[in-house]
Amino acid sequence: MNDHDRRDAFLDALWLERGVSEHTLSAYRQDLSAWIAHLDGEQERLLAPGETTLVAFVEMRRAHYHARSVARLLSCLRRFYRWALAEGLIEHDPLAEIEPPRVRPSLPSTLDEQDVERLLAAPDTGTALGLRDRAMLEILYACGLRVSELVGLTVSAVNLRQGVVLVRGKGDKDRLIPLGEEALAWIERYLRQGRSELMQDIQRPPLFPGRRDGFMTRQTFWYRLKHYAQLAAIDKSLSPHTLRHAFATHLLNHGANLRVVQLLLGHSDLSTTQIYTHVAQARLEALHAQHHPRG
């Protein structure tokens, strides 16, 4: 087995663990490939890197890459060598003595409530396509979904009578999220007036169909979102995740409990949710500075 085969075996093992996103697997593949290429240049092997080679590689990445990318690289290498240790391929973890860089949490970009209202109102709801997109935007903001969760929703996941949606998140973990009156009303209208016009076979499971009655891709929804941002004259950096950030930030600004936000977002660790307390605090400080006589 060569180094590339060992890389692939490690990634396969990660995939089987579940809870590891395709994005993370792709990033880890790039990191390990770069490490293997560096080792080839030094005439060293993946399972027996020299200590000075490893330190030099990490320092080189620190000099040319963002600290978050370096932290991801080290996380990838740590997981690889721990896997190799557990598999009996090595006897010592070569990263045991290397300290990871400190990464300051970056504040996620978000929208204020007026921006969100303009964005939600952008689709032409006189068309089936506009109804679908309005319902998607409403549920994305009302429930704080990841875009993969949104495009993967099925008709059976929505309970109109109880006003909730069953979402399958990372690691195939399910969570039940209330829809709210506005999102519920738009979903009901879309199901009544729009969905049947977009599908040849309405018995197919996708709630928001893309081409050929299949599930919409994340890329397609991103392009739709970008289009509506332009119509709404929103010049801020925008992605499907921006509405998830807005959902969490607006909940906290209106007094929601952090634990509740954690459950709604589907975060397994509260520390992941705590970034939004920084966003909310920044908003409060800006309002204080703007309106308080001694701000």
Protein backbone atom coordinates (compact mmCIF):
# COMPACT_ATOMS: atom_id res chain seq x y z
CA MET A 1 0.00 0.00 0.00
CA ASN A 2 1.48 3.37 -1.01
CA ASP A 3 0.98 6.72 0.70
CA HIS A 4 -1.96 7.71 -1.49
CA ASP A 5 -3.68 4.40 -0.70
CA ARG A 6 -3.19 5.06 3.02
CA ARG A 7 -4.65 8.54 2.58
CA ASP A 8 -7.70 7.06 0.87
CA ALA A 9 -8.10 4.36 3.53
CA PHE A 10 -8.07 7.04 6.23
CA LEU A 11 -10.68 9.15 4.40
CA ASP A 12 -12.86 6.06 3.90
CA ALA A 13 -12.65 5.40 7.64
CA LEU A 14 -13.69 8.99 8.36
CA TRP A 15 -16.62 8.68 5.97
CA LEU A 16 -17.78 5.51 7.68
CA GLU A 17 -17.72 7.29 11.05
CA ARG A 18 -20.42 9.66 9.71
CA GLY A 19 -20.80 13.18 10.93
CA VAL A 20 -17.92 14.25 8.65
CA SER A 21 -19.13 16.50 5.84
CA GLU A 22 -18.14 16.13 2.21
CA HIS A 23 -16.55 19.57 2.44
CA THR A 24 -14.30 18.44 5.32
CA LEU A 25 -13.36 15.22 3.53
CA SER A 26 -12.44 17.22 0.42
CA ALA A 27 -10.33 19.66 2.46
CA TYR A 28 -8.58 16.79 4.26
CA ARG A 29 -7.82 15.14 0.92
CA GLN A 30 -6.15 18.35 -0.29
CA ASP A 31 -4.19 18.74 2.95
CA LEU A 32 -2.94 15.16 2.94
CA SER A 33 -2.06 15.33 -0.77
CA ALA A 34 0.00 18.48 -0.14
CA TRP A 35 1.75 16.78 2.80
CA ILE A 36 2.50 13.67 0.74
CA ALA A 37 3.88 15.81 -2.12
CA HIS A 38 6.10 17.67 0.35
CA LEU A 39 7.37 14.39 1.81
CA ASP A 40 8.11 13.07 -1.69
CA GLY A 41 10.27 16.14 -2.29
CA GLU A 42 12.15 15.37 0.93
CA GLN A 43 12.36 11.65 0.01
CA GLU A 44 10.41 10.72 3.12
CA ARG A 45 7.33 8.58 3.64
CA LEU A 46 3.93 9.39 5.10
CA LEU A 47 4.25 6.99 8.03
CA ALA A 48 7.77 8.09 8.95
CA PRO A 49 8.12 11.86 8.55
CA GLY A 50 11.15 13.51 10.05
CA GLU A 51 10.45 15.84 12.96
CA THR A 52 12.26 18.74 11.31
CA THR A 53 10.39 18.08 8.05
CA LEU A 54 7.04 18.21 9.80
CA VAL A 55 7.87 21.38 11.72
CA ALA A 56 9.21 23.05 8.55
CA PHE A 57 6.07 22.13 6.61
CA VAL A 58 3.74 23.52 9.29
CA GLU A 59 5.80 26.72 9.60
CA MET A 60 5.77 27.15 5.83
CA ARG A 61 1.98 26.88 5.84
CA ARG A 62 1.78 29.36 8.71
CA ALA A 63 3.77 31.86 6.66
CA HIS A 64 1.55 31.63 3.59
CA TYR A 65 -1.91 30.57 4.80
CA HIS A 66 -4.58 31.89 7.14
CA ALA A 67 -4.37 30.58 10.70
CA ARG A 68 -7.70 28.79 10.26
CA SER A 69 -6.33 26.83 7.28
CA VAL A 70 -3.25 25.86 9.28
CA ALA A 71 -5.45 24.75 12.17
CA ARG A 72 -7.46 22.60 9.76
CA LEU A 73 -4.26 21.09 8.35
CA LEU A 74 -3.05 20.16 11.83
CA SER A 75 -6.46 18.74 12.69
CA CYS A 76 -6.30 16.61 9.55
CA LEU A 77 -2.77 15.36 10.29
CA ARG A 78 -3.60 14.65 13.94
CA ARG A 79 -6.61 12.61 12.94
CA PHE A 80 -4.58 10.74 10.31
CA TYR A 81 -1.73 9.81 12.64
CA ARG A 82 -4.10 8.84 15.45
CA TRP A 83 -5.87 6.58 12.97
CA ALA A 84 -2.52 5.16 11.85
CA LEU A 85 -1.59 4.56 15.52
CA ALA A 86 -4.90 2.79 16.20
CA GLU A 87 -4.43 0.67 13.08
CA GLY A 88 -0.96 -0.38 14.23
CA LEU A 89 0.75 1.27 11.27
CA ILE A 90 2.99 3.44 13.49
CA GLU A 91 4.21 3.22 17.08
CA HIS A 92 4.46 6.94 17.85
CA ASP A 93 2.37 9.98 16.91
CA PRO A 94 4.79 12.44 15.20
CA LEU A 95 2.49 15.39 15.98
CA ALA A 96 2.37 14.78 19.72
CA GLU A 97 4.73 17.66 20.50
CA ILE A 98 3.43 20.22 17.98
CA GLU A 99 1.14 22.94 19.34
CA PRO A 100 -1.78 24.03 17.12
CA PRO A 101 -2.01 27.75 16.28
CA ARG A 102 -4.54 29.81 18.19
CA VAL A 103 -7.42 30.83 15.97
CA ARG A 104 -9.59 33.75 16.98
CA PRO A 105 -13.25 33.07 16.15
CA SER A 106 -14.34 35.21 13.22
CA LEU A 107 -17.72 36.88 13.44
CA PRO A 108 -20.01 35.42 10.77
CA SER A 109 -21.48 37.91 8.33
CA THR A 110 -25.17 38.46 8.83
CA LEU A 111 -28.10 40.64 7.77
CA ASP A 112 -30.17 43.02 9.82
CA GLU A 113 -33.91 42.44 10.03
CA GLN A 114 -34.71 45.05 7.35
CA ASP A 115 -32.31 43.34 4.90
CA VAL A 116 -33.96 40.00 5.59
CA GLU A 117 -37.44 41.43 4.96
CA ARG A 118 -36.34 42.85 1.59
CA LEU A 119 -34.71 39.55 0.62
CA LEU A 120 -37.77 37.51 1.54
CA ALA A 121 -40.00 39.81 -0.51
CA ALA A 122 -37.80 39.62 -3.63
CA PRO A 123 -39.25 36.50 -5.37
CA ASP A 124 -42.19 36.98 -7.75
CA THR A 125 -44.85 34.98 -5.94
CA GLY A 126 -47.18 35.25 -8.93
CA THR A 127 -45.22 32.35 -10.44
CA ALA A 128 -44.75 28.77 -9.26
CA LEU A 129 -40.97 29.24 -9.27
CA GLY A 130 -41.26 32.40 -7.20
CA LEU A 131 -43.57 30.66 -4.73
CA ARG A 132 -41.05 27.84 -4.34
CA ASP A 133 -38.19 30.26 -3.77
CA ARG A 134 -40.17 32.40 -1.32
CA ALA A 135 -41.06 29.30 0.69
CA MET A 136 -37.41 28.20 0.67
CA LEU A 137 -36.18 31.58 1.89
CA GLU A 138 -38.87 31.70 4.57
CA ILE A 139 -38.08 28.26 5.95
CA LEU A 140 -34.32 28.89 5.76
CA TYR A 141 -34.65 32.03 7.89
CA ALA A 142 -37.42 30.73 10.16
CA CYS A 143 -35.57 27.52 11.03
CA GLY A 144 -31.88 28.41 10.63
CA LEU A 145 -31.21 25.44 8.36
CA ARG A 146 -27.99 24.54 6.66
CA VAL A 147 -28.42 24.74 2.90
CA SER A 148 -27.86 20.97 2.58
CA GLU A 149 -30.69 20.44 5.07
CA LEU A 150 -32.95 22.81 3.15
CA VAL A 151 -32.52 21.29 -0.31
CA GLY A 152 -32.80 17.79 1.16
CA LEU A 153 -36.23 18.34 2.71
CA THR A 154 -39.02 15.97 1.71
CA VAL A 155 -42.76 16.66 1.68
CA SER A 156 -43.25 14.19 4.52
CA ALA A 157 -40.79 16.13 6.71
CA VAL A 158 -43.27 19.02 7.05
CA ASN A 159 -46.18 18.66 9.46
CA LEU A 160 -48.57 21.48 8.58
CA ARG A 161 -51.02 20.64 11.35
CA GLN A 162 -48.39 20.86 14.09
CA GLY A 163 -46.40 23.59 12.33
CA VAL A 164 -43.04 21.81 12.54
CA VAL A 165 -40.41 20.42 10.19
CA LEU A 166 -38.27 17.34 10.79
CA VAL A 167 -34.70 18.07 9.73
CA ARG A 168 -31.93 15.54 9.23
CA GLY A 169 -28.63 17.22 10.09
CA LYS A 170 -24.98 16.25 10.37
CA GLY A 171 -24.32 12.69 11.42
CA ASP A 172 -27.89 11.76 10.38
CA LYS A 173 -29.19 13.36 13.57
CA ASP A 174 -32.83 14.45 13.40
CA ARG A 175 -34.25 17.55 15.06
CA LEU A 176 -37.76 18.99 15.12
CA ILE A 177 -38.02 22.74 14.47
CA PRO A 178 -41.10 24.98 14.71
CA LEU A 179 -41.83 26.80 11.47
CA GLY A 180 -43.49 29.98 12.67
CA GLU A 181 -46.71 31.43 11.25
CA GLU A 182 -45.19 33.28 8.30
CA ALA A 183 -43.08 30.38 7.01
CA LEU A 184 -45.96 27.96 7.55
CA ALA A 185 -48.32 30.18 5.54
CA TRP A 186 -45.92 30.38 2.59
CA ILE A 187 -45.24 26.63 2.61
CA GLU A 188 -48.99 25.94 2.62
CA ARG A 189 -49.51 28.33 -0.29
CA TYR A 190 -46.60 26.83 -2.22
CA LEU A 191 -47.87 23.28 -1.73
CA ARG A 192 -51.36 24.34 -2.76
CA GLN A 193 -50.48 26.49 -5.78
CA GLY A 194 -46.87 26.02 -6.88
CA ARG A 195 -45.32 22.61 -6.36
CA SER A 196 -47.59 20.68 -8.74
CA GLU A 197 -46.66 23.09 -11.58
CA LEU A 198 -42.96 22.38 -11.07
CA MET A 199 -43.18 18.58 -11.03
CA GLN A 200 -44.25 15.95 -13.51
CA ASP A 201 -44.73 13.44 -10.70
CA ILE A 202 -45.91 15.08 -7.48
CA GLN A 203 -45.51 11.77 -5.65
CA ARG A 204 -41.74 12.24 -5.73
CA PRO A 205 -40.32 13.15 -2.29
CA PRO A 206 -38.49 16.50 -2.79
CA LEU A 207 -40.28 19.38 -1.10
CA PHE A 208 -38.40 21.88 -3.27
CA PRO A 209 -37.68 20.16 -6.60
CA GLY A 210 -34.90 21.03 -8.97
CA ARG A 211 -34.51 19.56 -12.42
CA ARG A 212 -36.38 16.39 -13.43
CA ASP A 213 -38.31 16.23 -10.16
CA GLY A 214 -35.08 15.60 -8.25
CA PHE A 215 -33.66 17.39 -5.22
CA MET A 216 -32.29 20.86 -5.92
CA THR A 217 -28.52 21.19 -5.66
CA ARG A 218 -26.87 23.53 -3.18
CA GLN A 219 -25.24 25.39 -6.05
CA THR A 220 -28.59 26.04 -7.72
CA PHE A 221 -30.04 27.50 -4.54
CA TRP A 222 -26.94 29.66 -4.07
CA TYR A 223 -27.46 31.14 -7.55
CA ARG A 224 -31.13 31.80 -6.76
CA LEU A 225 -30.18 33.49 -3.51
CA LYS A 226 -27.61 35.66 -5.26
CA HIS A 227 -30.24 36.70 -7.80
CA TYR A 228 -32.70 37.76 -5.09
CA ALA A 229 -30.00 39.63 -3.19
CA GLN A 230 -29.44 41.72 -6.31
CA LEU A 231 -33.17 42.35 -6.70
CA ALA A 232 -33.35 43.40 -3.05
CA ALA A 233 -30.35 45.74 -3.50
CA ILE A 234 -28.38 43.97 -0.77
CA ASP A 235 -24.70 44.69 -1.35
CA LYS A 236 -23.39 42.72 1.62
CA SER A 237 -21.55 39.44 1.25
CA LEU A 238 -24.29 36.83 1.07
CA SER A 239 -24.46 33.05 1.09
CA PRO A 240 -27.09 30.51 2.14
CA HIS A 241 -25.31 30.35 5.51
CA THR A 242 -25.92 34.09 5.99
CA LEU A 243 -29.60 33.50 6.73
CA ARG A 244 -28.64 30.80 9.23
CA HIS A 245 -26.43 33.37 10.96
CA ALA A 246 -29.24 35.93 10.84
CA PHE A 247 -31.65 33.41 12.38
CA ALA A 248 -29.35 32.78 15.34
CA THR A 249 -28.33 36.40 15.82
CA HIS A 250 -31.88 37.76 15.69
CA LEU A 251 -33.09 35.13 18.15
CA LEU A 252 -30.39 36.11 20.64
CA ASN A 253 -31.02 39.82 20.08
CA HIS A 254 -34.63 39.22 21.03
CA GLY A 255 -33.72 37.37 24.21
CA ALA A 256 -33.61 33.70 23.21
CA ASN A 257 -31.69 31.29 25.43
CA LEU A 258 -28.36 30.12 24.02
CA ARG A 259 -29.22 26.46 24.71
CA VAL A 260 -32.43 26.82 22.71
CA VAL A 261 -30.52 28.32 19.78
CA GLN A 262 -28.02 25.45 20.03
CA LEU A 263 -30.82 22.89 19.73
CA LEU A 264 -32.48 24.70 16.83
CA LEU A 265 -29.21 24.98 14.91
CA GLY A 266 -28.33 21.33 15.55
CA HIS A 267 -24.95 22.11 17.13
CA SER A 268 -23.60 19.20 19.16
CA ASP A 269 -21.33 21.51 21.18
CA LEU A 270 -22.50 24.72 22.85
CA SER A 271 -19.13 26.35 22.14
CA THR A 272 -20.02 26.32 18.44
CA THR A 273 -23.15 28.34 19.17
CA GLN A 274 -21.38 30.81 21.41
CA ILE A 275 -19.92 32.65 18.42
CA TYR A 276 -23.37 34.18 18.01
CA THR A 277 -23.18 35.78 21.43
CA HIS A 278 -20.25 37.79 20.05
CA VAL A 279 -22.36 38.85 17.07
CA ALA A 280 -25.27 39.85 19.30
CA GLN A 281 -22.93 41.70 21.66
CA ALA A 282 -21.39 43.59 18.76
CA ARG A 283 -24.87 44.64 17.65
CA LEU A 284 -25.76 45.84 21.16
CA GLU A 285 -22.54 47.82 21.42
CA ALA A 286 -23.20 49.48 18.06
CA LEU A 287 -26.74 50.45 19.12
CA HIS A 288 -25.43 51.81 22.43
CA ALA A 289 -22.77 53.88 20.69
CA GLN A 290 -25.33 55.22 18.21
CA HIS A 291 -28.18 56.07 20.58
CA HIS A 292 -26.86 56.52 24.09
CA PRO A 293 -26.00 60.13 25.00
CA ARG A 294 -22.69 58.99 26.46
CA GLY A 295 -22.09 56.24 23.89
